[in-house]
């Protein structure tokens, strides 16, 4: 299960997860749950799988993160899906976001094992 939280000054201000295929991704649901969107430009988004960077059943999450000016993105593991596979990370870096990857990577891969295996 892909999940995301948004943290501002040490407090979780938003959270979300990917409910099922074709529905909004974890990052989108986390952003939608934030009551004061002006805080996003001073926040950190934590997500256990690299944000998507391509159009599929939903628009790219990277575009939304860039649009909302979230400055720091912490990613648990890279998405091995060929259409993503590091492209989301590079897109965020190119937009000036601070990106850190591999945080609790083993645990994130285990959590997303079914998604990674059957994607």
N, C-alpha and C. Protein backbone atom coordinates (compact mmCIF):
# COMPACT_ATOMS: atom_id res chain seq x y z
N UNK A 1 0.84 -1.18 0.00
CA UNK A 1 0.00 0.00 0.00
C UNK A 1 0.89 1.24 0.00
N UNK A 2 0.61 2.12 -0.92
CA UNK A 2 1.37 3.37 -0.98
C UNK A 2 0.69 4.38 -0.06
N UNK A 3 1.49 4.98 0.81
CA UNK A 3 0.98 5.96 1.75
C UNK A 3 1.86 7.19 1.77
N UNK A 4 1.28 8.31 2.17
CA UNK A 4 2.02 9.57 2.25
C UNK A 4 1.53 10.39 3.44
N UNK A 5 2.46 11.12 4.04
CA UNK A 5 2.11 12.09 5.07
C UNK A 5 2.82 13.40 4.75
N UNK A 6 2.21 14.49 5.15
CA UNK A 6 2.79 15.82 4.98
C UNK A 6 3.03 16.38 6.38
N UNK A 7 4.26 16.85 6.60
CA UNK A 7 4.66 17.33 7.92
C UNK A 7 5.06 18.80 7.84
N UNK A 8 4.52 19.58 8.77
CA UNK A 8 4.85 21.01 8.90
C UNK A 8 5.27 21.24 10.34
N UNK A 9 6.47 21.75 10.53
CA UNK A 9 7.00 22.04 11.87
C UNK A 9 6.82 20.86 12.82
N UNK A 10 7.15 19.66 12.35
CA UNK A 10 7.11 18.47 13.19
C UNK A 10 5.73 17.87 13.43
N UNK A 11 4.70 18.44 12.80
CA UNK A 11 3.34 17.93 12.99
C UNK A 11 2.76 17.46 11.66
N UNK A 12 2.07 16.33 11.69
CA UNK A 12 1.41 15.82 10.49
C UNK A 12 0.19 16.69 10.20
N UNK A 13 0.18 17.29 9.02
CA UNK A 13 -0.95 18.15 8.63
C UNK A 13 -1.78 17.51 7.52
N UNK A 14 -1.28 16.41 6.94
CA UNK A 14 -2.01 15.73 5.88
C UNK A 14 -1.55 14.30 5.76
N UNK A 15 -2.47 13.45 5.37
CA UNK A 15 -2.13 12.04 5.16
C UNK A 15 -3.06 11.44 4.12
N UNK A 16 -2.55 10.45 3.43
CA UNK A 16 -3.36 9.79 2.42
C UNK A 16 -2.73 8.50 1.97
N UNK A 17 -3.54 7.68 1.32
CA UNK A 17 -3.03 6.43 0.76
C UNK A 17 -3.76 6.16 -0.54
N UNK A 18 -3.19 5.26 -1.33
CA UNK A 18 -3.78 4.90 -2.61
C UNK A 18 -4.81 3.80 -2.37
N UNK A 19 -6.07 4.13 -2.57
CA UNK A 19 -7.16 3.22 -2.25
C UNK A 19 -7.20 2.04 -3.21
N UNK A 20 -7.22 2.33 -4.52
CA UNK A 20 -7.17 1.27 -5.52
C UNK A 20 -6.84 1.86 -6.88
N UNK A 21 -6.49 0.99 -7.80
CA UNK A 21 -6.06 1.38 -9.13
C UNK A 21 -7.10 2.29 -9.79
N UNK A 22 -6.59 3.36 -10.41
CA UNK A 22 -7.45 4.30 -11.10
C UNK A 22 -7.97 5.42 -10.21
N UNK A 23 -7.76 5.30 -8.91
CA UNK A 23 -8.18 6.32 -7.97
C UNK A 23 -6.98 7.21 -7.64
N UNK A 24 -7.22 8.38 -7.03
CA UNK A 24 -6.10 9.28 -6.70
C UNK A 24 -5.03 8.58 -5.88
N UNK A 25 -3.80 8.95 -6.15
CA UNK A 25 -2.65 8.36 -5.46
C UNK A 25 -2.49 8.93 -4.06
N UNK A 26 -1.61 8.32 -3.29
CA UNK A 26 -1.40 8.70 -1.88
C UNK A 26 -1.06 10.18 -1.73
N UNK A 27 -0.18 10.68 -2.61
CA UNK A 27 0.25 12.08 -2.52
C UNK A 27 -0.93 13.03 -2.72
N UNK A 28 -1.78 12.71 -3.68
CA UNK A 28 -2.96 13.55 -3.96
C UNK A 28 -3.90 13.55 -2.76
N UNK A 29 -4.16 12.38 -2.21
CA UNK A 29 -5.05 12.30 -1.05
C UNK A 29 -4.46 13.01 0.17
N UNK A 30 -3.15 12.93 0.33
CA UNK A 30 -2.51 13.64 1.45
C UNK A 30 -2.66 15.15 1.28
N UNK A 31 -2.42 15.65 0.08
CA UNK A 31 -2.57 17.09 -0.18
C UNK A 31 -4.01 17.53 0.02
N UNK A 32 -4.96 16.75 -0.46
CA UNK A 32 -6.38 17.09 -0.29
C UNK A 32 -6.80 17.14 1.17
N UNK A 33 -6.10 16.41 2.02
CA UNK A 33 -6.48 16.37 3.44
C UNK A 33 -5.94 17.54 4.25
N UNK A 34 -5.06 18.34 3.66
CA UNK A 34 -4.46 19.48 4.35
C UNK A 34 -5.49 20.61 4.44
N UNK A 35 -5.72 21.12 5.63
CA UNK A 35 -6.72 22.18 5.81
C UNK A 35 -6.22 23.54 5.35
N UNK A 36 -4.95 23.83 5.54
CA UNK A 36 -4.38 25.12 5.16
C UNK A 36 -3.28 24.89 4.12
N UNK A 37 -3.65 24.97 2.84
CA UNK A 37 -2.71 24.68 1.77
C UNK A 37 -1.53 25.64 1.72
N UNK A 38 -1.64 26.80 2.37
CA UNK A 38 -0.51 27.74 2.37
C UNK A 38 0.70 27.15 3.12
N UNK A 39 0.46 26.15 3.96
CA UNK A 39 1.56 25.52 4.70
C UNK A 39 2.38 24.57 3.83
N UNK A 40 1.83 24.15 2.70
CA UNK A 40 2.52 23.17 1.86
C UNK A 40 3.89 23.65 1.41
N UNK A 41 4.02 24.93 1.12
CA UNK A 41 5.30 25.44 0.61
C UNK A 41 6.38 25.50 1.69
N UNK A 42 6.02 25.11 2.92
CA UNK A 42 6.99 25.05 4.02
C UNK A 42 7.04 23.65 4.64
N UNK A 43 6.51 22.67 3.93
CA UNK A 43 6.33 21.33 4.49
C UNK A 43 7.23 20.29 3.83
N UNK A 44 7.21 19.11 4.40
CA UNK A 44 7.91 17.95 3.86
C UNK A 44 6.88 16.86 3.60
N UNK A 45 6.94 16.26 2.42
CA UNK A 45 6.08 15.13 2.10
C UNK A 45 6.91 13.86 2.21
N UNK A 46 6.41 12.90 2.96
CA UNK A 46 7.02 11.58 3.09
C UNK A 46 6.13 10.60 2.34
N UNK A 47 6.72 9.79 1.47
CA UNK A 47 5.96 8.81 0.71
C UNK A 47 6.80 7.54 0.59
N UNK A 48 6.15 6.39 0.68
CA UNK A 48 6.93 5.15 0.69
C UNK A 48 7.26 4.62 -0.70
N UNK A 49 6.78 5.24 -1.77
CA UNK A 49 7.11 4.85 -3.14
C UNK A 49 7.28 6.11 -3.97
N UNK A 50 8.26 6.10 -4.84
CA UNK A 50 8.54 7.25 -5.71
C UNK A 50 7.27 7.78 -6.37
N UNK A 51 7.03 9.09 -6.34
CA UNK A 51 5.86 9.66 -7.00
C UNK A 51 5.91 9.43 -8.52
N UNK A 52 4.75 9.16 -9.09
CA UNK A 52 4.69 8.91 -10.54
C UNK A 52 4.95 10.21 -11.30
N UNK A 53 5.45 10.03 -12.52
CA UNK A 53 5.82 11.19 -13.34
C UNK A 53 5.22 11.09 -14.74
N UNK A 54 4.24 10.24 -14.91
CA UNK A 54 3.65 10.01 -16.24
C UNK A 54 2.12 10.05 -16.13
N UNK A 55 1.48 10.21 -17.27
CA UNK A 55 0.03 10.16 -17.33
C UNK A 55 -0.40 8.71 -17.51
N UNK A 56 -1.30 8.26 -16.67
CA UNK A 56 -1.89 6.93 -16.77
C UNK A 56 -3.38 7.11 -16.54
N UNK A 57 -3.91 6.39 -15.57
CA UNK A 57 -5.31 6.59 -15.19
C UNK A 57 -5.48 7.88 -14.40
N UNK A 58 -4.37 8.41 -13.89
CA UNK A 58 -4.37 9.67 -13.15
C UNK A 58 -3.21 10.53 -13.64
N UNK A 59 -3.27 11.84 -13.42
CA UNK A 59 -2.14 12.70 -13.80
C UNK A 59 -0.91 12.43 -12.93
N UNK A 60 0.26 12.92 -13.36
CA UNK A 60 1.49 12.70 -12.59
C UNK A 60 1.46 13.38 -11.22
N UNK A 61 1.79 12.63 -10.20
CA UNK A 61 1.87 13.20 -8.85
C UNK A 61 2.99 14.23 -8.76
N UNK A 62 4.07 14.02 -9.51
CA UNK A 62 5.18 14.98 -9.47
C UNK A 62 4.71 16.36 -9.88
N UNK A 63 3.83 16.45 -10.87
CA UNK A 63 3.34 17.75 -11.31
C UNK A 63 2.60 18.47 -10.19
N UNK A 64 1.79 17.73 -9.44
CA UNK A 64 1.04 18.33 -8.34
C UNK A 64 1.99 18.78 -7.22
N UNK A 65 2.99 17.97 -6.90
CA UNK A 65 3.95 18.35 -5.85
C UNK A 65 4.69 19.62 -6.24
N UNK A 66 5.05 19.72 -7.50
CA UNK A 66 5.74 20.92 -8.00
C UNK A 66 4.79 22.12 -7.99
N UNK A 67 3.57 21.91 -8.46
CA UNK A 67 2.57 22.99 -8.49
C UNK A 67 2.29 23.54 -7.09
N UNK A 68 2.23 22.66 -6.11
CA UNK A 68 1.94 23.08 -4.73
C UNK A 68 3.18 23.58 -4.00
N UNK A 69 4.33 23.54 -4.68
CA UNK A 69 5.60 24.08 -4.17
C UNK A 69 6.06 23.40 -2.87
N UNK A 70 5.83 22.09 -2.79
CA UNK A 70 6.32 21.35 -1.62
C UNK A 70 7.83 21.22 -1.78
N UNK A 71 8.61 21.79 -0.86
CA UNK A 71 10.05 21.90 -1.09
C UNK A 71 10.87 20.64 -0.81
N UNK A 72 10.36 19.76 0.08
CA UNK A 72 11.13 18.57 0.46
C UNK A 72 10.27 17.32 0.30
N UNK A 73 10.84 16.33 -0.39
CA UNK A 73 10.16 15.07 -0.61
C UNK A 73 11.09 13.96 -0.12
N UNK A 74 10.59 13.13 0.80
CA UNK A 74 11.35 12.00 1.32
C UNK A 74 10.69 10.73 0.78
N UNK A 75 11.47 9.92 0.06
CA UNK A 75 10.93 8.76 -0.66
C UNK A 75 11.53 7.48 -0.08
N UNK A 76 10.66 6.54 0.24
CA UNK A 76 11.13 5.27 0.78
C UNK A 76 11.87 4.42 -0.23
N UNK A 77 11.25 4.19 -1.39
CA UNK A 77 11.91 3.37 -2.41
C UNK A 77 11.52 3.84 -3.80
N UNK A 78 12.41 3.57 -4.72
CA UNK A 78 12.19 3.93 -6.12
C UNK A 78 11.14 2.99 -6.71
N UNK A 79 10.31 3.52 -7.60
CA UNK A 79 9.31 2.72 -8.31
C UNK A 79 10.00 2.03 -9.47
N UNK A 80 10.02 0.68 -9.51
CA UNK A 80 10.70 -0.01 -10.60
C UNK A 80 9.93 -0.02 -11.92
N UNK A 81 8.67 0.43 -11.91
CA UNK A 81 7.87 0.47 -13.13
C UNK A 81 8.61 1.29 -14.17
N UNK A 82 8.83 0.76 -15.38
CA UNK A 82 9.66 1.44 -16.38
C UNK A 82 9.26 2.88 -16.69
N UNK A 83 7.98 3.21 -16.60
CA UNK A 83 7.57 4.58 -16.91
C UNK A 83 7.92 5.56 -15.79
N UNK A 84 8.28 5.04 -14.63
CA UNK A 84 8.68 5.91 -13.51
C UNK A 84 10.19 5.73 -13.30
N UNK A 85 10.59 4.64 -12.66
CA UNK A 85 12.00 4.22 -12.50
C UNK A 85 13.01 5.35 -12.41
N UNK A 86 12.83 6.23 -11.44
CA UNK A 86 13.77 7.34 -11.23
C UNK A 86 13.35 8.63 -11.90
N UNK A 87 12.44 8.56 -12.86
CA UNK A 87 12.00 9.78 -13.57
C UNK A 87 11.28 10.74 -12.64
N UNK A 88 10.51 10.21 -11.69
CA UNK A 88 9.83 11.08 -10.73
C UNK A 88 10.82 11.83 -9.86
N UNK A 89 11.85 11.13 -9.43
CA UNK A 89 12.90 11.74 -8.61
C UNK A 89 13.60 12.84 -9.40
N UNK A 90 13.98 12.54 -10.64
CA UNK A 90 14.69 13.53 -11.47
C UNK A 90 13.81 14.75 -11.76
N UNK A 91 12.53 14.51 -12.00
CA UNK A 91 11.62 15.62 -12.28
C UNK A 91 11.52 16.56 -11.07
N UNK A 92 11.44 15.99 -9.88
CA UNK A 92 11.37 16.81 -8.66
C UNK A 92 12.67 17.57 -8.44
N UNK A 93 13.80 16.90 -8.64
CA UNK A 93 15.10 17.56 -8.49
C UNK A 93 15.25 18.70 -9.49
N UNK A 94 14.85 18.45 -10.74
CA UNK A 94 14.95 19.48 -11.79
C UNK A 94 14.09 20.70 -11.46
N UNK A 95 13.00 20.48 -10.70
CA UNK A 95 12.11 21.58 -10.32
C UNK A 95 12.62 22.31 -9.08
N UNK A 96 13.74 21.85 -8.52
CA UNK A 96 14.31 22.53 -7.36
C UNK A 96 13.92 21.96 -6.01
N UNK A 97 13.21 20.84 -6.01
CA UNK A 97 12.83 20.21 -4.75
C UNK A 97 14.05 19.51 -4.14
N UNK A 98 14.09 19.49 -2.82
CA UNK A 98 15.08 18.69 -2.11
C UNK A 98 14.49 17.28 -2.01
N UNK A 99 15.21 16.28 -2.47
CA UNK A 99 14.71 14.91 -2.49
C UNK A 99 15.69 13.99 -1.78
N UNK A 100 15.16 13.16 -0.90
CA UNK A 100 15.97 12.14 -0.24
C UNK A 100 15.29 10.80 -0.50
N UNK A 101 16.08 9.82 -0.91
CA UNK A 101 15.52 8.51 -1.23
C UNK A 101 16.14 7.42 -0.35
N UNK A 102 15.49 6.27 -0.34
CA UNK A 102 16.03 5.12 0.37
C UNK A 102 15.79 5.12 1.87
N UNK A 103 14.85 5.92 2.34
CA UNK A 103 14.54 5.96 3.78
C UNK A 103 13.65 4.76 4.11
N UNK A 104 14.14 3.90 4.98
CA UNK A 104 13.43 2.66 5.32
C UNK A 104 13.09 1.86 4.06
N UNK A 105 14.05 1.83 3.14
CA UNK A 105 13.81 1.22 1.82
C UNK A 105 13.36 -0.24 1.91
N UNK A 106 14.01 -1.03 2.71
CA UNK A 106 13.65 -2.45 2.82
C UNK A 106 12.20 -2.60 3.28
N UNK A 107 11.82 -1.83 4.29
CA UNK A 107 10.45 -1.89 4.81
C UNK A 107 9.44 -1.41 3.78
N UNK A 108 9.80 -0.37 3.04
CA UNK A 108 8.89 0.16 2.01
C UNK A 108 8.71 -0.84 0.88
N UNK A 109 9.79 -1.50 0.46
CA UNK A 109 9.68 -2.53 -0.58
C UNK A 109 8.79 -3.68 -0.11
N UNK A 110 8.93 -4.06 1.14
CA UNK A 110 8.10 -5.14 1.68
C UNK A 110 6.64 -4.70 1.72
N UNK A 111 6.39 -3.49 2.16
CA UNK A 111 5.03 -2.96 2.24
C UNK A 111 4.37 -2.91 0.86
N UNK A 112 5.17 -2.60 -0.17
CA UNK A 112 4.64 -2.47 -1.53
C UNK A 112 4.94 -3.69 -2.40
N UNK A 113 5.25 -4.82 -1.77
CA UNK A 113 5.66 -6.02 -2.51
C UNK A 113 4.65 -6.42 -3.59
N UNK A 114 3.38 -6.45 -3.26
CA UNK A 114 2.37 -6.85 -4.25
C UNK A 114 2.30 -5.87 -5.40
N UNK A 115 2.34 -4.58 -5.10
CA UNK A 115 2.30 -3.57 -6.15
C UNK A 115 3.52 -3.71 -7.05
N UNK A 116 4.70 -3.83 -6.45
CA UNK A 116 5.94 -3.92 -7.22
C UNK A 116 5.97 -5.21 -8.05
N UNK A 117 5.48 -6.30 -7.48
CA UNK A 117 5.51 -7.60 -8.17
C UNK A 117 4.52 -7.66 -9.33
N UNK A 118 3.33 -7.13 -9.15
CA UNK A 118 2.27 -7.30 -10.15
C UNK A 118 1.94 -6.06 -10.95
N UNK A 119 2.73 -5.02 -10.81
CA UNK A 119 2.45 -3.75 -11.51
C UNK A 119 2.58 -3.91 -12.99
